[in-house]
Amino acid sequence: MSAAAPVPAPPRRSRTSPPPARTVRLVGDDPELRRTVERICVSAGVRLLEGPGPRPAADTDLVDVRHAVRGRLRPGTVLLGRPEDTQLWDRAAALGGCPVAVLPEAAGWLADLLGADRGGTARSEGRGRVLGLLGAVGGAGTSTLACWTADLAARSGRAVALVDADRAGCGLDVLLGLEDRDGLRWPDLLRIAGAVHAEQLWPAMARTGRLRWLSWDRSLPAPLEVPYPPVLEALRGAAQLVVVDLGRAGPECAEAAALCDEVIVVSPRTVRGVLAARWAAGVLEGVPARLVLAGLNVADVDDALAAATTGLPVAGSVRFRGRVPEAAETGRLLEAGRARRTARDVARLLAAVGVGP
């Protein structure tokens, strides 16, 4: 009788060793900041190294802005700050343009960044709408209407950002009467290289009530390219509506206008204003646009004539009260826009472009 054939052993399961945890080192001595970073590291699945020593080297250094020294930052270092660190972005630029995280608001973005090499996926960002306002002529009330539009949308409960894209206008913050308010201004962003993320930008912006805004200031223009594309793209991820004051129509506004989903051309109810609005529509180069007629009708220009002349559908009209210039000079512009008749005109405008309050 032949011996039974040996029973083959079951195949051994292959085991794949998990990748070693990425390491992070925090440079700074703020206990509250360290507790925040500890929670972020747990969320990201990375290991926070103890102590400030150089060995072993960490995969990523997180440096408190109050301890950052130029020449000692490794590539990939992330600069950490708090909402009250008003010079954070300027400091980041001076240190070579390293990424910025304002904590605790940017905790999610930082966790995604630290855990990216472990197969983590970025969080899905919102896709806010960008609405530009463009003046057919100077003095049409474009900046005023941009402020009122953003304010009404914010007071209705939306996350709204008001962006100043009129570099020669000396700052929307002056029009708002908030030039002394702490917060990010465009010059702080001019030297930042690379992508700008919503979680970095949003908490650093100046605000009044629910409205956040990004303004130019009174400094002379620097010969640097304005990062409109990354900033507006970041704000899409943070806000439901981004209102952009494009200033007066001209070549300098073309880049920002091209980034808008729709542009409202603001024209006075005058023959010259409507003719200028027709020229402004040509500057937009295919960006969807509508016309808003502002001010008194002193030239018998009705909606039908304006639409036929400009080729733009009329989205509404806004009549500026006589007290608006004084309100703008005394820091009460937003208050003036909340008056019943004015607010009704602005609400109709928002509804016409699909952003009803």
Protein backbone atom coordinates (compact mmCIF):
# COMPACT_ATOMS: atom_id res chain seq x y z
CA MET A 1 0.00 0.00 0.00
CA SER A 2 1.55 3.29 -1.07
CA ALA A 3 2.15 6.10 1.37
CA ALA A 4 -0.29 8.96 1.25
CA ALA A 5 0.92 12.03 -0.58
CA PRO A 6 1.82 14.88 1.75
CA VAL A 7 -0.81 17.56 2.13
CA PRO A 8 0.58 20.86 0.79
CA ALA A 9 0.77 23.66 3.29
CA PRO A 10 -1.68 26.50 2.75
CA PRO A 11 -0.16 29.44 0.95
CA ARG A 12 1.33 32.00 3.31
CA ARG A 13 -0.33 35.32 3.18
CA SER A 14 1.93 38.13 2.17
CA ARG A 15 2.16 40.90 4.66
CA THR A 16 2.92 44.41 3.59
CA SER A 17 4.53 46.51 6.24
CA PRO A 18 2.76 49.84 6.75
CA PRO A 19 4.79 52.83 5.63
CA PRO A 20 6.64 54.49 8.47
CA ALA A 21 4.82 57.45 9.95
CA ARG A 22 5.92 60.81 8.65
CA THR A 23 7.48 63.02 11.27
CA VAL A 24 6.87 66.65 12.16
CA ARG A 25 8.84 69.02 14.35
CA LEU A 26 7.35 72.12 15.93
CA VAL A 27 9.62 75.09 16.55
CA GLY A 28 8.04 77.31 19.17
CA ASP A 29 7.18 77.39 22.85
CA ASP A 30 3.50 78.38 22.88
CA PRO A 31 1.64 75.61 24.82
CA GLU A 32 -1.71 76.32 23.15
CA LEU A 33 -0.13 76.18 19.70
CA ARG A 34 1.55 72.90 20.58
CA ARG A 35 -1.75 71.36 21.71
CA THR A 36 -3.32 72.40 18.42
CA VAL A 37 -0.45 70.89 16.43
CA GLU A 38 -0.68 67.66 18.46
CA ARG A 39 -4.35 67.28 17.51
CA ILE A 40 -3.53 67.98 13.86
CA CYS A 41 -0.77 65.36 13.84
CA VAL A 42 -3.13 62.75 15.28
CA SER A 43 -5.70 63.59 12.60
CA ALA A 44 -3.07 63.38 9.83
CA GLY A 45 -1.49 60.16 11.12
CA VAL A 46 1.96 61.68 11.53
CA ARG A 47 4.33 61.67 14.50
CA LEU A 48 5.29 64.85 16.33
CA LEU A 49 8.92 64.72 17.41
CA GLU A 50 9.85 65.93 20.86
CA GLY A 51 12.29 68.73 21.49
CA PRO A 52 13.94 71.29 19.24
CA GLY A 53 17.10 69.29 18.52
CA PRO A 54 18.33 68.77 14.96
CA ARG A 55 18.43 64.96 15.20
CA PRO A 56 16.59 63.11 13.91
CA ALA A 57 15.52 65.38 11.07
CA ALA A 58 11.78 65.69 10.62
CA ASP A 59 9.98 65.32 7.33
CA THR A 60 8.27 68.67 7.89
CA ASP A 61 9.11 71.61 10.14
CA LEU A 62 6.30 73.75 11.56
CA VAL A 63 7.68 77.07 12.79
CA ASP A 64 5.87 79.58 14.97
CA VAL A 65 6.20 82.94 13.21
CA ARG A 66 7.46 84.45 16.46
CA HIS A 67 10.46 82.09 16.33
CA ALA A 68 11.18 82.19 12.60
CA VAL A 69 14.70 83.22 11.58
CA ARG A 70 15.71 83.77 7.97
CA GLY A 71 18.34 81.32 6.78
CA ARG A 72 17.29 78.63 9.24
CA LEU A 73 14.16 77.44 7.47
CA ARG A 74 14.38 74.24 5.47
CA PRO A 75 12.52 73.80 2.17
CA GLY A 76 8.94 72.75 2.87
CA THR A 77 8.75 74.54 6.21
CA VAL A 78 5.26 75.76 7.13
CA LEU A 79 4.98 79.03 9.03
CA LEU A 80 2.36 78.97 11.80
CA GLY A 81 0.49 82.00 13.05
CA ARG A 82 -2.66 83.11 14.81
CA PRO A 83 -5.42 85.45 13.58
CA GLU A 84 -3.90 88.27 15.63
CA ASP A 85 -0.52 87.93 13.87
CA THR A 86 -1.30 90.70 11.38
CA GLN A 87 2.20 90.70 9.82
CA LEU A 88 2.22 86.94 9.19
CA TRP A 89 2.03 87.05 5.39
CA ASP A 90 4.57 89.84 5.10
CA ARG A 91 6.89 87.88 7.37
CA ALA A 92 6.39 84.75 5.25
CA ALA A 93 7.37 86.69 2.14
CA ALA A 94 10.48 88.05 3.85
CA LEU A 95 11.45 84.50 4.83
CA GLY A 96 11.33 83.31 1.26
CA GLY A 97 7.64 82.76 0.55
CA CYS A 98 7.06 79.65 2.69
CA PRO A 99 3.51 78.28 3.12
CA VAL A 100 1.37 79.82 5.87
CA ALA A 101 -1.17 78.23 8.23
CA VAL A 102 -3.31 80.44 10.45
CA LEU A 103 -4.39 78.24 13.36
CA PRO A 104 -6.81 76.96 14.42
CA GLU A 105 -8.77 77.88 11.27
CA ALA A 106 -6.26 76.22 8.90
CA ALA A 107 -6.09 72.98 10.91
CA GLY A 108 -7.89 70.97 8.22
CA TRP A 109 -5.64 72.23 5.44
CA LEU A 110 -2.51 71.52 7.51
CA ALA A 111 -3.68 67.99 8.37
CA ASP A 112 -4.26 67.30 4.67
CA LEU A 113 -0.81 68.66 3.83
CA LEU A 114 0.99 66.61 6.48
CA GLY A 115 -0.89 63.42 5.61
CA ALA A 116 -0.68 63.79 1.83
CA ASP A 117 2.08 61.19 1.41
CA ARG A 118 0.05 58.60 3.32
CA GLY A 119 -2.61 58.45 0.65
CA GLY A 120 -4.83 61.04 2.26
CA THR A 121 -7.20 62.95 0.06
CA ALA A 122 -7.71 66.63 0.12
CA ARG A 123 -10.96 67.87 1.54
CA SER A 124 -13.53 68.88 -1.00
CA GLU A 125 -13.73 72.63 -1.19
CA GLY A 126 -16.78 74.64 -2.05
CA ARG A 127 -17.12 76.38 -5.37
CA GLY A 128 -18.19 79.91 -4.65
CA ARG A 129 -19.38 82.28 -7.34
CA VAL A 130 -17.27 85.27 -8.40
CA LEU A 131 -19.27 88.36 -9.37
CA GLY A 132 -17.39 91.36 -10.77
CA LEU A 133 -18.56 94.97 -10.91
CA LEU A 134 -17.07 97.18 -13.62
CA GLY A 135 -17.56 100.90 -14.07
CA ALA A 136 -18.34 102.10 -17.58
CA VAL A 137 -17.00 105.53 -16.59
CA GLY A 138 -15.37 106.97 -13.50
CA GLY A 139 -17.76 108.08 -10.77
CA ALA A 140 -20.52 105.65 -11.76
CA GLY A 141 -20.72 104.32 -8.19
CA THR A 142 -19.14 100.95 -8.94
CA SER A 143 -17.19 100.63 -5.70
CA THR A 144 -20.17 101.78 -3.65
CA LEU A 145 -22.44 99.24 -5.32
CA ALA A 146 -19.83 96.48 -4.85
CA CYS A 147 -19.77 97.23 -1.11
CA TRP A 148 -23.55 97.26 -0.84
CA THR A 149 -23.93 94.05 -2.87
CA ALA A 150 -21.42 92.17 -0.74
CA ASP A 151 -22.86 93.53 2.50
CA LEU A 152 -26.45 92.55 1.68
CA ALA A 153 -25.40 89.04 0.64
CA ALA A 154 -23.36 88.64 3.85
CA ARG A 155 -26.23 89.85 6.04
CA SER A 156 -28.46 87.20 4.45
CA GLY A 157 -26.23 84.54 6.01
CA ARG A 158 -23.81 83.76 3.20
CA ALA A 159 -20.04 83.57 3.50
CA VAL A 160 -19.04 86.57 1.37
CA ALA A 161 -15.72 88.14 0.41
CA LEU A 162 -15.35 91.62 -1.06
CA VAL A 163 -12.21 91.96 -3.18
CA ASP A 164 -10.63 95.22 -4.32
CA ALA A 165 -9.21 94.81 -7.85
CA ASP A 166 -8.88 98.54 -8.51
CA ARG A 167 -5.20 99.01 -7.74
CA ALA A 168 -5.31 102.78 -8.36
CA GLY A 169 -8.32 103.36 -6.12
CA CYS A 170 -6.30 103.76 -2.87
CA GLY A 171 -8.23 101.04 -1.10
CA LEU A 172 -11.81 99.94 -0.53
CA ASP A 173 -11.03 100.04 3.18
CA VAL A 174 -11.12 103.87 3.02
CA LEU A 175 -14.53 103.78 1.35
CA LEU A 176 -15.74 101.42 4.08
CA GLY A 177 -14.22 103.69 6.74
CA LEU A 178 -12.18 100.73 8.02
CA GLU A 179 -8.64 101.61 6.96
CA ASP A 180 -7.44 101.14 10.57
CA ARG A 181 -8.91 97.62 10.80
CA ASP A 182 -6.30 94.86 11.09
CA GLY A 183 -6.22 92.25 8.37
CA LEU A 184 -4.60 91.17 5.14
CA ARG A 185 -4.06 93.69 2.32
CA TRP A 186 -2.95 93.02 -1.25
CA PRO A 187 0.65 94.20 -0.67
CA ASP A 188 1.01 91.39 1.90
CA LEU A 189 0.35 88.86 -0.88
CA LEU A 190 2.51 90.24 -3.67
CA ARG A 191 5.65 88.33 -2.70
CA ILE A 192 3.99 85.02 -1.81
CA ALA A 193 4.96 82.26 -4.24
CA GLY A 194 2.93 79.18 -5.11
CA ALA A 195 -0.65 78.22 -4.37
CA VAL A 196 -2.83 80.09 -1.90
CA HIS A 197 -5.31 77.98 0.05
CA ALA A 198 -8.68 78.99 1.43
CA GLU A 199 -7.79 77.85 4.93
CA GLN A 200 -4.74 80.12 4.84
CA LEU A 201 -6.41 83.19 3.40
CA TRP A 202 -9.86 83.29 4.99
CA PRO A 203 -8.91 83.69 8.68
CA ALA A 204 -6.33 86.38 7.88
CA MET A 205 -8.76 88.66 6.02
CA ALA A 206 -10.12 91.84 7.56
CA ARG A 207 -13.79 91.73 8.42
CA THR A 208 -16.78 93.75 9.48
CA GLY A 209 -19.72 91.72 10.76
CA ARG A 210 -20.07 88.68 8.49
CA LEU A 211 -18.36 90.41 5.57
CA ARG A 212 -14.67 89.79 4.87
CA TRP A 213 -12.70 92.00 2.54
CA LEU A 214 -9.35 92.26 0.81
CA SER A 215 -8.29 95.79 -0.08
CA TRP A 216 -5.44 97.64 -1.69
CA ASP A 217 -3.77 100.31 0.43
CA ARG A 218 -2.14 103.70 -0.12
CA SER A 219 1.35 102.46 -0.95
CA LEU A 220 2.83 103.13 -4.38
CA PRO A 221 2.31 100.23 -6.81
CA ALA A 222 5.17 97.74 -6.70
CA PRO A 223 6.47 96.30 -10.00
CA LEU A 224 5.16 92.86 -9.08
CA GLU A 225 2.48 90.74 -10.67
CA VAL A 226 -0.76 90.71 -8.69
CA PRO A 227 -1.75 87.11 -7.82
CA TYR A 228 -5.40 87.47 -8.77
CA PRO A 229 -5.81 83.88 -10.09
CA PRO A 230 -4.64 81.96 -6.97
CA VAL A 231 -6.32 84.36 -4.55
CA LEU A 232 -9.71 84.34 -6.25
CA GLU A 233 -9.50 80.57 -6.66
CA ALA A 234 -8.78 80.21 -2.94
CA LEU A 235 -11.70 82.46 -2.05
CA ARG A 236 -14.00 80.31 -4.16
CA GLY A 237 -13.23 77.53 -1.70
CA ALA A 238 -14.06 79.65 1.35
CA ALA A 239 -16.94 81.89 0.29
CA GLN A 240 -20.29 81.30 -1.35
CA LEU A 241 -20.01 84.65 -3.09
CA VAL A 242 -16.95 86.71 -4.01
CA VAL A 243 -17.74 90.29 -5.09
CA VAL A 244 -14.89 91.93 -7.03
CA ASP A 245 -14.64 95.69 -7.51
CA LEU A 246 -12.94 95.89 -10.92
CA GLY A 247 -12.83 99.67 -11.00
CA ARG A 248 -13.18 101.56 -14.26
CA ALA A 249 -13.11 99.63 -17.53
CA GLY A 250 -9.66 99.42 -19.09
CA PRO A 251 -6.81 97.04 -19.91
CA GLU A 252 -5.66 96.91 -16.26
CA CYS A 253 -8.89 95.23 -15.14
CA ALA A 254 -8.94 92.57 -17.87
CA GLU A 255 -7.10 89.85 -15.91
CA ALA A 256 -9.35 90.01 -12.86
CA ALA A 257 -12.48 90.36 -15.00
CA ALA A 258 -11.60 87.19 -16.93
CA LEU A 259 -11.64 85.26 -13.63
CA CYS A 260 -15.24 86.25 -12.84
CA ASP A 261 -18.25 84.05 -13.53
CA GLU A 262 -20.25 87.15 -14.44
CA VAL A 263 -19.64 90.90 -14.57
CA ILE A 264 -22.07 93.72 -13.89
CA VAL A 265 -21.27 96.84 -15.90
CA VAL A 266 -22.36 99.92 -13.94
CA SER A 267 -23.36 102.91 -16.08
CA PRO A 268 -24.99 106.24 -15.30
CA ARG A 269 -28.25 106.91 -17.17
CA THR A 270 -26.55 109.22 -19.64
CA VAL A 271 -25.75 108.99 -23.33
CA ARG A 272 -22.02 109.06 -22.62
CA GLY A 273 -22.38 106.45 -19.90
CA VAL A 274 -24.27 104.02 -22.13
CA LEU A 275 -21.80 104.47 -24.99
CA ALA A 276 -18.94 103.82 -22.56
CA ALA A 277 -20.75 100.71 -21.31
CA ARG A 278 -20.81 99.39 -24.89
CA TRP A 279 -17.01 99.84 -25.04
CA ALA A 280 -16.62 98.19 -21.60
CA ALA A 281 -18.55 95.15 -22.80
CA GLY A 282 -15.88 94.69 -25.47
CA VAL A 283 -13.12 94.70 -22.84
CA LEU A 284 -14.70 91.70 -21.13
CA GLU A 285 -13.90 89.39 -24.07
CA GLY A 286 -16.65 86.83 -23.68
CA VAL A 287 -17.24 86.98 -19.91
CA PRO A 288 -21.03 86.93 -19.32
CA ALA A 289 -22.16 90.46 -18.45
CA ARG A 290 -25.23 92.49 -17.56
CA LEU A 291 -25.87 96.19 -17.28
CA VAL A 292 -26.97 98.17 -14.24
CA LEU A 293 -28.10 101.76 -14.69
CA ALA A 294 -27.22 104.01 -11.78
CA GLY A 295 -28.27 107.48 -10.71
CA LEU A 296 -30.97 109.83 -11.96
CA ASN A 297 -32.40 109.57 -15.46
CA VAL A 298 -31.40 113.00 -16.75
CA ALA A 299 -31.14 112.04 -20.44
CA ASP A 300 -34.31 109.99 -21.03
CA VAL A 301 -32.26 106.76 -21.27
CA ASP A 302 -34.59 103.85 -20.62
CA ASP A 303 -33.75 100.15 -20.19
CA ALA A 304 -34.65 99.24 -23.77
CA LEU A 305 -32.40 101.91 -25.27
CA ALA A 306 -29.53 100.97 -22.96
CA ALA A 307 -29.83 97.27 -23.82
CA ALA A 308 -30.02 97.94 -27.56
CA THR A 309 -26.98 100.25 -27.45
CA THR A 310 -24.72 98.09 -25.30
CA GLY A 311 -25.87 94.62 -26.31
CA LEU A 312 -26.16 93.77 -22.60
CA PRO A 313 -29.29 92.70 -20.75
CA VAL A 314 -30.31 95.16 -18.03
CA ALA A 315 -30.17 93.56 -14.58
CA GLY A 316 -31.70 96.51 -12.74
CA SER A 317 -31.13 100.06 -11.62
CA VAL A 318 -29.88 101.74 -8.47
CA ARG A 319 -30.67 105.32 -7.50
CA PHE A 320 -28.04 106.84 -5.25
CA ARG A 321 -29.42 109.13 -2.56
CA GLY A 322 -27.93 112.58 -2.05
CA ARG A 323 -26.48 111.62 1.33
CA VAL A 324 -24.35 108.77 -0.02
CA PRO A 325 -21.18 110.86 -0.64
CA GLU A 326 -21.30 112.18 2.91
CA ALA A 327 -21.86 108.65 4.25
CA ALA A 328 -18.80 107.45 2.34
CA GLU A 329 -16.66 110.21 3.84
CA THR A 330 -17.81 109.51 7.41
CA GLY A 331 -17.50 105.71 7.47
CA ARG A 332 -21.25 105.07 7.14
CA LEU A 333 -21.39 103.75 3.58
CA LEU A 334 -22.70 100.30 4.51
CA GLU A 335 -25.31 101.90 6.74
CA ALA A 336 -26.48 104.02 3.80
CA GLY A 337 -26.82 100.92 1.65
CA ARG A 338 -29.14 99.36 4.22
CA ALA A 339 -31.76 102.07 3.81
CA ARG A 340 -35.03 100.53 2.67
CA ARG A 341 -35.21 101.81 -0.91
CA THR A 342 -31.53 101.29 -1.61
CA ALA A 343 -31.54 97.80 -0.11
CA ARG A 344 -34.55 96.93 -2.27
CA ASP A 345 -32.68 97.99 -5.43
CA VAL A 346 -29.63 95.95 -4.44
CA ALA A 347 -31.77 92.92 -3.57
CA ARG A 348 -33.36 93.05 -7.03
CA LEU A 349 -29.92 93.18 -8.57
CA LEU A 350 -28.79 90.11 -6.63
CA ALA A 351 -31.94 88.25 -7.61
CA ALA A 352 -31.41 89.15 -11.28
CA VAL A 353 -27.97 87.50 -11.26
CA GLY A 354 -29.21 84.47 -9.34
CA VAL A 355 -27.95 85.42 -5.88
CA GLY A 356 -31.20 86.33 -4.15
CA PRO A 357 -30.79 87.51 -0.52
